[in-house]
């Protein structure tokens, strides 16, 4: 497990640069989860990316499987990108408080037997950070900012799953219409999914 996590951290650093902060959270019945913070300048302004480290130490296992394979099975880490300033220009000083909710989500395969996969909704039951209009996230397809990390056989590669924050109305609409339909809504309306203060995308018409 430690060797896998060393490879994962090296991969994240190679793709995103050196982390400028990190925090560790330990949950009862689960291995330690770390969250690394990477800050980058983009043509649209600064972006803060948070990446979990620890979720991929063991493969995710279907809770209905009679025996858990310690080597084979999907492995993943979670990524969340947020602009440190809202579109309105107002600061979001407590956005770093997302570290604990991210660690909770990353520990869910160990604690709850959840297999996290693209298209899934993950609900933390509270705002992602104080004042955030989001209490859940949509798991998006991997392979964008951080490509998959191949591991020695027979281990599956580690996939880096982007998390897209959803407002409660968007989460309810997604449950009825599906993840692809919600992502198309965001695309059609030019939604900035990194804006920490954005509102709900129009869901009618």
N, C-alpha and C. Protein backbone atom coordinates (compact mmCIF):
# COMPACT_ATOMS: atom_id res chain seq x y z
N UNK A 1 0.82 -1.20 0.00
CA UNK A 1 0.00 0.00 0.00
C UNK A 1 0.86 1.25 0.00
N UNK A 2 1.89 1.29 0.84
CA UNK A 2 2.73 2.48 0.93
C UNK A 2 3.42 2.76 -0.39
N UNK A 3 3.84 1.69 -1.10
CA UNK A 3 4.50 1.88 -2.38
C UNK A 3 3.54 2.47 -3.40
N UNK A 4 2.31 2.01 -3.41
CA UNK A 4 1.31 2.56 -4.34
C UNK A 4 1.13 4.05 -4.07
N UNK A 5 1.00 4.42 -2.82
CA UNK A 5 0.76 5.82 -2.48
C UNK A 5 1.97 6.69 -2.80
N UNK A 6 3.17 6.14 -2.68
CA UNK A 6 4.36 6.88 -3.10
C UNK A 6 4.30 7.18 -4.60
N UNK A 7 3.90 6.19 -5.38
CA UNK A 7 3.78 6.38 -6.83
C UNK A 7 2.70 7.39 -7.16
N UNK A 8 1.59 7.33 -6.43
CA UNK A 8 0.48 8.25 -6.67
C UNK A 8 0.91 9.68 -6.37
N UNK A 9 1.59 9.88 -5.25
CA UNK A 9 2.02 11.25 -4.90
C UNK A 9 3.02 11.76 -5.93
N UNK A 10 3.94 10.93 -6.36
CA UNK A 10 4.91 11.35 -7.37
C UNK A 10 4.20 11.71 -8.68
N UNK A 11 3.17 10.95 -9.02
CA UNK A 11 2.41 11.21 -10.25
C UNK A 11 1.66 12.54 -10.15
N UNK A 12 1.00 12.78 -9.02
CA UNK A 12 0.29 14.04 -8.82
C UNK A 12 1.26 15.23 -8.90
N UNK A 13 2.42 15.08 -8.29
CA UNK A 13 3.40 16.16 -8.30
C UNK A 13 3.93 16.42 -9.70
N UNK A 14 4.14 15.35 -10.46
CA UNK A 14 4.62 15.51 -11.83
C UNK A 14 3.60 16.23 -12.70
N UNK A 15 2.31 15.99 -12.45
CA UNK A 15 1.27 16.58 -13.28
C UNK A 15 0.83 17.96 -12.81
N UNK A 16 0.85 18.21 -11.49
CA UNK A 16 0.28 19.44 -10.93
C UNK A 16 1.30 20.34 -10.26
N UNK A 17 2.54 19.87 -10.11
CA UNK A 17 3.54 20.65 -9.40
C UNK A 17 3.58 20.28 -7.92
N UNK A 18 4.48 20.89 -7.19
CA UNK A 18 4.61 20.61 -5.77
C UNK A 18 3.39 21.12 -5.02
N UNK A 19 2.84 20.34 -4.10
CA UNK A 19 1.71 20.84 -3.30
C UNK A 19 2.16 21.96 -2.38
N UNK A 20 1.27 22.96 -2.18
CA UNK A 20 1.62 24.05 -1.27
C UNK A 20 0.99 23.88 0.10
N UNK A 21 0.20 22.82 0.28
CA UNK A 21 -0.36 22.50 1.60
C UNK A 21 -0.86 21.07 1.56
N UNK A 22 -0.98 20.46 2.75
CA UNK A 22 -1.52 19.12 2.84
C UNK A 22 -2.09 18.94 4.24
N UNK A 23 -3.08 18.07 4.33
CA UNK A 23 -3.70 17.76 5.62
C UNK A 23 -4.03 16.28 5.64
N UNK A 24 -4.01 15.70 6.83
CA UNK A 24 -4.30 14.27 6.99
C UNK A 24 -5.49 14.10 7.91
N UNK A 25 -6.36 13.14 7.57
CA UNK A 25 -7.54 12.83 8.37
C UNK A 25 -7.58 11.32 8.56
N UNK A 26 -7.87 10.88 9.75
CA UNK A 26 -7.99 9.45 10.04
C UNK A 26 -9.39 9.15 10.54
N UNK A 27 -10.01 8.13 9.97
CA UNK A 27 -11.35 7.72 10.35
C UNK A 27 -11.29 6.33 10.98
N UNK A 28 -12.19 6.08 11.90
CA UNK A 28 -12.26 4.78 12.53
C UNK A 28 -12.54 3.71 11.49
N UNK A 29 -11.72 2.67 11.45
CA UNK A 29 -11.92 1.58 10.51
C UNK A 29 -11.37 1.85 9.12
N UNK A 30 -10.59 2.91 8.97
CA UNK A 30 -10.03 3.24 7.65
C UNK A 30 -8.60 3.71 7.80
N UNK A 31 -7.83 3.54 6.72
CA UNK A 31 -6.47 4.05 6.70
C UNK A 31 -6.49 5.57 6.56
N UNK A 32 -5.38 6.19 6.89
CA UNK A 32 -5.28 7.65 6.84
C UNK A 32 -5.48 8.15 5.41
N UNK A 33 -6.22 9.24 5.29
CA UNK A 33 -6.42 9.91 4.01
C UNK A 33 -5.75 11.28 4.09
N UNK A 34 -4.93 11.58 3.12
CA UNK A 34 -4.36 12.93 3.01
C UNK A 34 -5.03 13.66 1.86
N UNK A 35 -5.07 14.98 1.97
CA UNK A 35 -5.54 15.83 0.88
C UNK A 35 -4.44 16.84 0.58
N UNK A 36 -4.00 16.87 -0.66
CA UNK A 36 -2.94 17.78 -1.10
C UNK A 36 -3.56 18.95 -1.86
N UNK A 37 -3.00 20.13 -1.66
CA UNK A 37 -3.50 21.32 -2.36
C UNK A 37 -2.45 21.82 -3.34
N UNK A 38 -2.89 22.06 -4.57
CA UNK A 38 -2.02 22.57 -5.62
C UNK A 38 -2.62 23.87 -6.15
N UNK A 39 -1.84 24.91 -6.26
CA UNK A 39 -2.32 26.19 -6.77
C UNK A 39 -1.64 26.47 -8.10
N UNK A 40 -2.44 26.88 -9.08
CA UNK A 40 -1.89 27.13 -10.41
C UNK A 40 -2.52 28.39 -10.99
N UNK A 41 -1.74 29.09 -11.81
CA UNK A 41 -2.27 30.23 -12.56
C UNK A 41 -2.71 29.74 -13.92
N UNK A 42 -3.91 30.15 -14.32
CA UNK A 42 -4.45 29.79 -15.64
C UNK A 42 -4.84 31.07 -16.36
N UNK A 43 -5.09 30.99 -17.67
CA UNK A 43 -5.52 32.20 -18.40
C UNK A 43 -6.79 32.82 -17.83
N UNK A 44 -7.61 32.03 -17.13
CA UNK A 44 -8.85 32.52 -16.54
C UNK A 44 -8.67 32.93 -15.08
N UNK A 45 -7.42 32.88 -14.58
CA UNK A 45 -7.18 33.26 -13.19
C UNK A 45 -6.69 32.08 -12.38
N UNK A 46 -6.34 32.30 -11.12
CA UNK A 46 -5.81 31.22 -10.28
C UNK A 46 -6.85 30.13 -10.03
N UNK A 47 -6.36 28.89 -9.94
CA UNK A 47 -7.20 27.73 -9.65
C UNK A 47 -6.50 26.92 -8.56
N UNK A 48 -7.28 26.51 -7.57
CA UNK A 48 -6.76 25.63 -6.53
C UNK A 48 -7.31 24.23 -6.79
N UNK A 49 -6.40 23.26 -6.84
CA UNK A 49 -6.81 21.86 -7.03
C UNK A 49 -6.49 21.07 -5.78
N UNK A 50 -7.45 20.28 -5.35
CA UNK A 50 -7.28 19.41 -4.19
C UNK A 50 -7.27 17.97 -4.69
N UNK A 51 -6.30 17.20 -4.25
CA UNK A 51 -6.21 15.79 -4.63
C UNK A 51 -6.07 14.92 -3.40
N UNK A 52 -6.86 13.85 -3.35
CA UNK A 52 -6.76 12.94 -2.21
C UNK A 52 -5.59 11.98 -2.41
N UNK A 53 -5.08 11.47 -1.30
CA UNK A 53 -3.98 10.52 -1.31
C UNK A 53 -4.24 9.50 -0.21
N UNK A 54 -4.55 8.28 -0.63
CA UNK A 54 -4.85 7.23 0.34
C UNK A 54 -5.96 6.30 -0.10
N UNK A 55 -6.87 6.84 -0.89
CA UNK A 55 -8.00 6.04 -1.38
C UNK A 55 -7.54 4.88 -2.26
N UNK A 56 -6.45 5.09 -3.01
CA UNK A 56 -5.99 4.09 -3.97
C UNK A 56 -5.06 3.05 -3.35
N UNK A 57 -4.82 3.14 -2.04
CA UNK A 57 -3.92 2.19 -1.41
C UNK A 57 -4.41 0.76 -1.49
N UNK A 58 -5.72 0.59 -1.60
CA UNK A 58 -6.32 -0.74 -1.76
C UNK A 58 -7.40 -0.63 -2.83
N UNK A 59 -7.65 -1.71 -3.56
CA UNK A 59 -8.71 -1.66 -4.58
C UNK A 59 -10.08 -1.55 -3.94
N UNK A 60 -10.99 -0.87 -4.63
CA UNK A 60 -12.38 -0.80 -4.17
C UNK A 60 -13.04 -2.14 -4.45
N UNK A 61 -13.84 -2.60 -3.51
CA UNK A 61 -14.43 -3.94 -3.59
C UNK A 61 -15.94 -3.86 -3.55
N UNK A 62 -16.58 -4.56 -4.45
CA UNK A 62 -18.04 -4.68 -4.44
C UNK A 62 -18.46 -5.31 -3.11
N UNK A 63 -19.33 -4.63 -2.34
CA UNK A 63 -19.71 -5.19 -1.03
C UNK A 63 -20.43 -6.53 -1.12
N UNK A 64 -20.94 -6.88 -2.32
CA UNK A 64 -21.62 -8.17 -2.46
C UNK A 64 -20.66 -9.30 -2.81
N UNK A 65 -19.39 -8.96 -3.08
CA UNK A 65 -18.41 -10.00 -3.44
C UNK A 65 -18.11 -10.87 -2.22
N UNK A 66 -18.06 -12.19 -2.39
CA UNK A 66 -17.82 -13.06 -1.25
C UNK A 66 -16.42 -12.92 -0.65
N UNK A 67 -15.43 -12.61 -1.51
CA UNK A 67 -14.04 -12.46 -1.05
C UNK A 67 -13.44 -11.22 -1.70
N UNK A 68 -12.76 -10.41 -0.91
CA UNK A 68 -12.11 -9.21 -1.43
C UNK A 68 -10.73 -9.56 -1.97
N UNK A 69 -10.47 -9.17 -3.21
CA UNK A 69 -9.15 -9.40 -3.81
C UNK A 69 -8.23 -8.26 -3.38
N UNK A 70 -7.11 -8.56 -2.72
CA UNK A 70 -6.24 -7.50 -2.23
C UNK A 70 -5.43 -6.81 -3.34
N UNK A 71 -5.42 -7.37 -4.55
CA UNK A 71 -4.62 -6.82 -5.62
C UNK A 71 -5.46 -6.24 -6.76
N UNK A 72 -6.44 -7.01 -7.22
CA UNK A 72 -7.24 -6.61 -8.38
C UNK A 72 -8.47 -5.83 -7.93
N UNK A 73 -8.87 -4.92 -8.81
CA UNK A 73 -10.05 -4.12 -8.54
C UNK A 73 -9.77 -2.65 -8.82
N UNK A 74 -10.80 -1.86 -9.03
CA UNK A 74 -10.59 -0.44 -9.38
C UNK A 74 -9.93 0.34 -8.25
N UNK A 75 -9.02 1.21 -8.63
CA UNK A 75 -8.35 2.11 -7.69
C UNK A 75 -8.55 3.54 -8.17
N UNK A 76 -8.73 4.46 -7.24
CA UNK A 76 -8.98 5.84 -7.64
C UNK A 76 -8.55 6.81 -6.54
N UNK A 77 -8.33 8.04 -6.96
CA UNK A 77 -8.20 9.19 -6.07
C UNK A 77 -9.13 10.27 -6.61
N UNK A 78 -9.46 11.24 -5.76
CA UNK A 78 -10.44 12.27 -6.11
C UNK A 78 -9.74 13.61 -6.33
N UNK A 79 -10.26 14.38 -7.28
CA UNK A 79 -9.74 15.71 -7.60
C UNK A 79 -10.88 16.72 -7.57
N UNK A 80 -10.61 17.87 -7.01
CA UNK A 80 -11.59 18.96 -7.00
C UNK A 80 -10.87 20.25 -7.33
N UNK A 81 -11.38 21.00 -8.30
CA UNK A 81 -10.78 22.27 -8.71
C UNK A 81 -11.74 23.41 -8.34
N UNK A 82 -11.21 24.44 -7.70
CA UNK A 82 -12.02 25.58 -7.26
C UNK A 82 -11.23 26.86 -7.51
N UNK A 83 -11.92 27.90 -7.95
CA UNK A 83 -11.28 29.21 -8.04
C UNK A 83 -11.28 29.85 -6.64
N UNK A 84 -10.17 30.43 -6.22
CA UNK A 84 -10.14 31.02 -4.88
C UNK A 84 -11.00 32.26 -4.75
N UNK A 85 -11.46 32.82 -5.88
CA UNK A 85 -12.36 33.97 -5.85
C UNK A 85 -13.63 33.62 -6.61
N UNK A 86 -14.77 34.03 -6.08
CA UNK A 86 -16.03 33.83 -6.78
C UNK A 86 -16.08 34.76 -7.99
N UNK A 87 -16.96 34.45 -8.94
CA UNK A 87 -17.11 35.27 -10.13
C UNK A 87 -17.43 36.72 -9.75
N UNK A 88 -18.15 36.90 -8.64
CA UNK A 88 -18.53 38.24 -8.20
C UNK A 88 -17.31 39.04 -7.73
N UNK A 89 -16.18 38.35 -7.54
CA UNK A 89 -14.99 39.02 -7.07
C UNK A 89 -14.80 38.93 -5.58
N UNK A 90 -15.80 38.41 -4.88
CA UNK A 90 -15.71 38.29 -3.43
C UNK A 90 -14.83 37.12 -3.04
N UNK A 91 -14.06 37.27 -1.96
CA UNK A 91 -13.18 36.18 -1.53
C UNK A 91 -13.96 35.04 -0.90
N UNK A 92 -13.40 33.85 -0.98
CA UNK A 92 -13.97 32.67 -0.33
C UNK A 92 -12.88 32.15 0.62
N UNK A 93 -12.71 32.81 1.78
CA UNK A 93 -11.55 32.52 2.62
C UNK A 93 -11.55 31.12 3.23
N UNK A 94 -12.72 30.46 3.30
CA UNK A 94 -12.77 29.17 3.99
C UNK A 94 -12.91 28.00 3.03
N UNK A 95 -12.58 28.20 1.76
CA UNK A 95 -12.72 27.11 0.81
C UNK A 95 -11.81 25.94 1.17
N UNK A 96 -10.71 26.19 1.89
CA UNK A 96 -9.84 25.09 2.32
C UNK A 96 -10.54 24.14 3.29
N UNK A 97 -11.67 24.53 3.83
CA UNK A 97 -12.41 23.66 4.74
C UNK A 97 -13.01 22.47 3.97
N UNK A 98 -12.87 22.47 2.65
CA UNK A 98 -13.32 21.33 1.85
C UNK A 98 -12.44 20.11 2.09
N UNK A 99 -11.31 20.29 2.74
CA UNK A 99 -10.37 19.18 2.95
C UNK A 99 -11.03 18.01 3.66
N UNK A 100 -11.77 18.29 4.73
CA UNK A 100 -12.38 17.18 5.48
C UNK A 100 -13.48 16.48 4.67
N UNK A 101 -14.43 17.21 4.06
CA UNK A 101 -15.41 16.50 3.22
C UNK A 101 -14.76 15.65 2.13
N UNK A 102 -13.68 16.13 1.53
CA UNK A 102 -12.99 15.32 0.51
C UNK A 102 -12.42 14.05 1.13
N UNK A 103 -11.85 14.17 2.32
CA UNK A 103 -11.30 12.98 2.98
C UNK A 103 -12.42 12.00 3.32
N UNK A 104 -13.57 12.51 3.74
CA UNK A 104 -14.71 11.63 4.03
C UNK A 104 -15.11 10.85 2.78
N UNK A 105 -15.19 11.53 1.66
CA UNK A 105 -15.56 10.85 0.41
C UNK A 105 -14.49 9.83 0.01
N UNK A 106 -13.22 10.18 0.19
CA UNK A 106 -12.15 9.26 -0.19
C UNK A 106 -12.11 8.04 0.71
N UNK A 107 -12.59 8.17 1.95
CA UNK A 107 -12.61 7.03 2.87
C UNK A 107 -13.84 6.15 2.69
N UNK A 108 -14.82 6.60 1.93
CA UNK A 108 -16.09 5.85 1.81
C UNK A 108 -15.93 4.44 1.26
N UNK A 109 -14.99 4.15 0.33
CA UNK A 109 -14.83 2.75 -0.09
C UNK A 109 -14.42 1.83 1.05
N UNK A 110 -13.57 2.32 1.97
CA UNK A 110 -13.15 1.51 3.10
C UNK A 110 -14.23 1.43 4.18
N UNK A 111 -14.87 2.56 4.47
CA UNK A 111 -15.80 2.64 5.58
C UNK A 111 -17.17 2.06 5.23
N UNK A 112 -17.63 2.35 4.00
CA UNK A 112 -18.99 1.99 3.62
C UNK A 112 -19.06 0.95 2.51
N UNK A 113 -17.91 0.52 1.99
CA UNK A 113 -17.93 -0.44 0.90
C UNK A 113 -18.45 0.13 -0.40
N UNK A 114 -18.28 1.44 -0.60
CA UNK A 114 -18.75 2.11 -1.81
C UNK A 114 -17.69 1.97 -2.91
N UNK A 115 -18.14 1.67 -4.13
CA UNK A 115 -17.25 1.70 -5.30
C UNK A 115 -17.54 3.01 -6.03
N UNK A 116 -16.60 3.95 -5.97
CA UNK A 116 -16.79 5.26 -6.58
C UNK A 116 -16.44 5.17 -8.06
N UNK A 117 -17.39 5.60 -8.91
CA UNK A 117 -17.21 5.48 -10.35
C UNK A 117 -17.83 6.69 -11.04
N UNK A 118 -17.40 6.99 -12.28
CA UNK A 118 -17.98 8.12 -13.00
C UNK A 118 -19.50 8.00 -13.11
N UNK A 119 -20.17 9.13 -12.98
CA UNK A 119 -21.63 9.17 -13.04
C UNK A 119 -22.30 9.10 -11.69
N UNK A 120 -21.54 8.74 -10.66
CA UNK A 120 -22.12 8.61 -9.32
C UNK A 120 -22.28 9.99 -8.67
N UNK A 121 -23.23 10.08 -7.76
CA UNK A 121 -23.39 11.25 -6.90
C UNK A 121 -22.88 10.90 -5.51
N UNK A 122 -22.12 11.79 -4.93
CA UNK A 122 -21.61 11.62 -3.57
C UNK A 122 -22.08 12.80 -2.74
N UNK A 123 -22.78 12.52 -1.65
CA UNK A 123 -23.37 13.57 -0.81
C UNK A 123 -22.66 13.59 0.53
N UNK A 124 -22.21 14.77 0.95
CA UNK A 124 -21.54 14.89 2.24
C UNK A 124 -22.50 15.33 3.34
N UNK A 125 -23.74 15.68 2.96
CA UNK A 125 -24.76 16.02 3.95
C UNK A 125 -24.62 17.39 4.56
N UNK A 126 -23.69 18.20 4.08
CA UNK A 126 -23.48 19.55 4.58
C UNK A 126 -22.74 20.32 3.50
N UNK A 127 -22.67 21.65 3.59
CA UNK A 127 -21.92 22.41 2.58
C UNK A 127 -20.47 21.92 2.48
N UNK A 128 -19.95 21.92 1.26
CA UNK A 128 -18.58 21.46 1.05
C UNK A 128 -17.58 22.32 1.82
N UNK A 129 -17.90 23.58 2.01
CA UNK A 129 -17.14 24.48 2.88
C UNK A 129 -18.15 25.49 3.42
N UNK A 130 -17.84 26.21 4.48
CA UNK A 130 -18.82 27.14 5.06
C UNK A 130 -19.35 28.13 4.02
N UNK A 131 -20.67 28.18 3.90
CA UNK A 131 -21.29 29.09 2.96
C UNK A 131 -21.40 28.58 1.55
N UNK A 132 -20.87 27.39 1.26
CA UNK A 132 -20.93 26.85 -0.10
C UNK A 132 -22.37 26.49 -0.47
N UNK A 133 -22.78 26.72 -1.72
CA UNK A 133 -24.11 26.32 -2.17
C UNK A 133 -24.19 24.86 -2.59
N UNK A 134 -23.15 24.08 -2.32
CA UNK A 134 -23.07 22.69 -2.75
C UNK A 134 -22.96 21.75 -1.55
N UNK A 135 -23.73 20.67 -1.59
CA UNK A 135 -23.61 19.64 -0.55
C UNK A 135 -23.26 18.28 -1.15
N UNK A 136 -23.16 18.21 -2.46
CA UNK A 136 -22.84 16.94 -3.12
C UNK A 136 -22.00 17.21 -4.36
N UNK A 137 -21.45 16.14 -4.91
CA UNK A 137 -20.63 16.26 -6.11
C UNK A 137 -21.03 15.17 -7.10
N UNK A 138 -20.80 15.45 -8.36
CA UNK A 138 -20.94 14.47 -9.43
C UNK A 138 -19.54 13.97 -9.79
N UNK A 139 -19.36 12.66 -9.84
CA UNK A 139 -18.07 12.08 -10.22
C UNK A 139 -17.99 12.06 -11.74
N UNK A 140 -17.00 12.76 -12.28
CA UNK A 140 -16.84 12.88 -13.73
C UNK A 140 -15.85 11.84 -14.26
N UNK A 141 -15.73 11.80 -15.56
CA UNK A 141 -14.82 10.86 -16.20
C UNK A 141 -13.37 11.26 -15.95
N UNK A 142 -12.48 10.29 -15.74
CA UNK A 142 -11.07 10.59 -15.51
C UNK A 142 -10.34 10.86 -16.81
N UNK A 143 -9.04 11.17 -16.68
CA UNK A 143 -8.19 11.28 -17.85
C UNK A 143 -8.00 12.68 -18.37
N UNK A 144 -8.47 13.68 -17.65
CA UNK A 144 -8.34 15.05 -18.11
C UNK A 144 -7.04 15.68 -17.63
N UNK A 145 -7.12 16.38 -16.49
CA UNK A 145 -5.95 17.08 -15.96
C UNK A 145 -4.87 16.10 -15.53
N UNK A 146 -5.26 15.02 -14.87
CA UNK A 146 -4.30 14.02 -14.40
C UNK A 146 -4.61 12.68 -15.06
N UNK A 147 -3.73 12.17 -15.91
CA UNK A 147 -3.98 10.88 -16.57
C UNK A 147 -3.88 9.72 -15.58
N UNK A 148 -4.39 8.57 -16.01
CA UNK A 148 -4.30 7.36 -15.20
C UNK A 148 -2.85 7.03 -14.88
N UNK A 149 -2.66 6.39 -13.73
CA UNK A 149 -1.33 5.91 -13.33
C UNK A 149 -1.31 4.40 -13.43
N UNK A 150 -0.50 3.88 -14.33
CA UNK A 150 -0.37 2.43 -14.46
C UNK A 150 0.44 1.87 -13.30
N UNK A 151 0.00 0.74 -12.76
CA UNK A 151 0.70 0.06 -11.67
C UNK A 151 1.19 -1.30 -12.16
N UNK A 152 2.16 -1.88 -11.49
CA UNK A 152 2.64 -3.21 -11.89
C UNK A 152 1.51 -4.24 -11.82
N UNK A 153 1.51 -5.17 -12.75
CA UNK A 153 0.54 -6.27 -12.73
C UNK A 153 0.63 -7.03 -11.41
N UNK A 154 -0.49 -7.53 -10.89
CA UNK A 154 -1.83 -7.54 -11.49
C UNK A 154 -2.71 -6.38 -11.06
N UNK A 155 -2.13 -5.33 -10.49
CA UNK A 155 -2.92 -4.21 -10.00
C UNK A 155 -3.55 -3.42 -11.15
N UNK A 156 -4.77 -2.96 -10.93
CA UNK A 156 -5.43 -2.05 -11.87
C UNK A 156 -4.77 -0.67 -11.78
N UNK A 157 -4.88 0.12 -12.85
CA UNK A 157 -4.33 1.48 -12.78
C UNK A 157 -5.13 2.34 -11.80
N UNK A 158 -4.48 3.40 -11.32
CA UNK A 158 -5.16 4.38 -10.48
C UNK A 158 -5.78 5.43 -11.40
N UNK A 159 -7.08 5.67 -11.22
CA UNK A 159 -7.77 6.70 -11.99
C UNK A 159 -8.01 7.91 -11.09
N UNK A 160 -7.88 9.09 -11.65
CA UNK A 160 -8.04 10.33 -10.89
C UNK A 160 -9.38 10.95 -11.30
N UNK A 161 -10.35 10.85 -10.41
CA UNK A 161 -11.74 11.18 -10.73
C UNK A 161 -12.06 12.62 -10.35
N UNK A 162 -12.39 13.47 -11.34
CA UNK A 162 -12.77 14.84 -11.01
C UNK A 162 -14.14 14.86 -10.33
N UNK A 163 -14.28 15.75 -9.36
CA UNK A 163 -15.55 15.94 -8.67
C UNK A 163 -16.13 17.29 -9.08
N UNK A 164 -17.40 17.29 -9.50
CA UNK A 164 -18.07 18.51 -9.95
C UNK A 164 -19.14 18.87 -8.93
N UNK A 165 -18.98 19.97 -8.20
CA UNK A 165 -19.96 20.33 -7.17
C UNK A 165 -21.35 20.54 -7.75
N UNK A 166 -22.37 20.06 -7.04
CA UNK A 166 -23.77 20.21 -7.45
C UNK A 166 -24.55 20.94 -6.36
N UNK A 167 -25.43 21.85 -6.77
CA UNK A 167 -26.38 22.42 -5.83
C UNK A 167 -27.45 21.37 -5.53
N UNK A 168 -28.22 21.52 -4.45
CA UNK A 168 -29.28 20.54 -4.15
C UNK A 168 -30.27 20.36 -5.30
N UNK A 169 -30.63 21.45 -5.98
CA UNK A 169 -31.57 21.33 -7.11
C UNK A 169 -30.96 20.55 -8.26
N UNK A 170 -29.68 20.79 -8.52
CA UNK A 170 -29.00 20.05 -9.59
C UNK A 170 -28.91 18.57 -9.23
N UNK A 171 -28.62 18.26 -7.98
CA UNK A 171 -28.53 16.86 -7.56
C UNK A 171 -29.87 16.16 -7.70
N UNK A 172 -30.95 16.85 -7.34
CA UNK A 172 -32.28 16.26 -7.48
C UNK A 172 -32.62 16.05 -8.96
N UNK A 173 -32.27 17.00 -9.80
CA UNK A 173 -32.55 16.90 -11.24
C UNK A 173 -31.73 15.77 -11.85
N UNK A 174 -30.49 15.63 -11.39
CA UNK A 174 -29.63 14.56 -11.90
C UNK A 174 -30.19 13.19 -11.56
N UNK A 175 -30.80 13.04 -10.38
CA UNK A 175 -31.37 11.74 -10.00
C UNK A 175 -32.47 11.31 -10.95
N UNK A 176 -33.17 12.27 -11.52
CA UNK A 176 -34.27 11.96 -12.45
C UNK A 176 -33.77 11.80 -13.88
N UNK A 177 -32.89 12.68 -14.31
CA UNK A 177 -32.50 12.74 -15.72
C UNK A 177 -31.14 12.12 -16.02
N UNK A 178 -30.31 11.90 -15.01
CA UNK A 178 -29.03 11.26 -15.24
C UNK A 178 -27.87 12.24 -15.32
N UNK A 179 -26.67 11.70 -15.12
CA UNK A 179 -25.47 12.52 -15.09
C UNK A 179 -25.17 13.19 -16.42
N UNK A 180 -25.35 12.44 -17.51
CA UNK A 180 -25.02 12.99 -18.82
C UNK A 180 -25.89 14.19 -19.15
N UNK A 181 -27.18 14.12 -18.78
CA UNK A 181 -28.09 15.23 -19.06
C UNK A 181 -27.69 16.47 -18.27
N UNK A 182 -27.27 16.28 -17.01
CA UNK A 182 -26.86 17.43 -16.20
C UNK A 182 -25.58 18.05 -16.76
N UNK A 183 -24.63 17.21 -17.14
CA UNK A 183 -23.40 17.75 -17.72
C UNK A 183 -23.68 18.51 -19.00
N UNK A 184 -24.66 18.05 -19.79
CA UNK A 184 -25.03 18.76 -21.01
C UNK A 184 -25.65 20.12 -20.68
N UNK A 185 -26.46 20.17 -19.61
CA UNK A 185 -27.03 21.45 -19.16
C UNK A 185 -25.91 22.43 -18.82
N UNK A 186 -24.95 21.96 -18.05
CA UNK A 186 -23.83 22.83 -17.68
C UNK A 186 -23.12 23.33 -18.94
N UNK A 187 -22.89 22.44 -19.88
CA UNK A 187 -22.19 22.80 -21.10
C UNK A 187 -22.99 23.81 -21.92
N UNK A 188 -24.27 23.57 -22.07
CA UNK A 188 -25.13 24.45 -22.87
C UNK A 188 -25.18 25.87 -22.30
N UNK A 189 -25.09 25.99 -20.99
CA UNK A 189 -25.21 27.29 -20.35
C UNK A 189 -23.84 27.89 -19.98
N UNK A 190 -22.76 27.25 -20.42
CA UNK A 190 -21.44 27.79 -20.15
C UNK A 190 -21.13 27.92 -18.67
N UNK A 191 -21.57 26.96 -17.88
CA UNK A 191 -21.40 27.01 -16.43
C UNK A 191 -19.94 26.87 -16.03
N UNK A 192 -19.47 27.78 -15.19
CA UNK A 192 -18.12 27.68 -14.67
C UNK A 192 -18.18 26.81 -13.42
N UNK A 193 -17.85 25.54 -13.56
CA UNK A 193 -17.97 24.59 -12.46
C UNK A 193 -16.91 24.79 -11.39
N UNK A 194 -15.95 25.67 -11.64
CA UNK A 194 -14.93 25.96 -10.63
C UNK A 194 -15.29 27.18 -9.79
N UNK A 195 -16.36 27.87 -10.16
CA UNK A 195 -16.78 29.07 -9.44
C UNK A 195 -17.39 28.66 -8.10
N UNK A 196 -16.79 29.01 -6.97
CA UNK A 196 -17.31 28.57 -5.68
C UNK A 196 -18.61 29.25 -5.27
N UNK A 197 -19.00 30.29 -6.01
CA UNK A 197 -20.23 30.98 -5.65
C UNK A 197 -21.31 30.92 -6.71
N UNK A 198 -21.17 30.01 -7.68
CA UNK A 198 -22.14 29.97 -8.77
C UNK A 198 -23.52 29.51 -8.28
N UNK A 199 -24.54 29.86 -9.07
CA UNK A 199 -25.89 29.41 -8.76
C UNK A 199 -26.25 28.15 -9.53
N UNK A 200 -27.47 27.70 -9.34
CA UNK A 200 -27.97 26.51 -10.05
C UNK A 200 -28.13 26.82 -11.53
N UNK A 201 -27.71 25.89 -12.37
CA UNK A 201 -27.92 26.05 -13.81
C UNK A 201 -29.42 25.98 -14.10
N UNK A 202 -29.93 26.73 -15.10
CA UNK A 202 -31.36 26.61 -15.44
C UNK A 202 -31.72 25.16 -15.77
N UNK A 203 -32.78 24.66 -15.14
CA UNK A 203 -33.14 23.26 -15.28
C UNK A 203 -34.46 23.06 -15.99
N UNK A 204 -35.03 24.12 -16.54
CA UNK A 204 -36.27 24.01 -17.32
C UNK A 204 -36.05 24.68 -18.66
N UNK A 205 -36.89 24.28 -19.61
CA UNK A 205 -36.80 24.89 -20.92
C UNK A 205 -35.76 24.22 -21.80
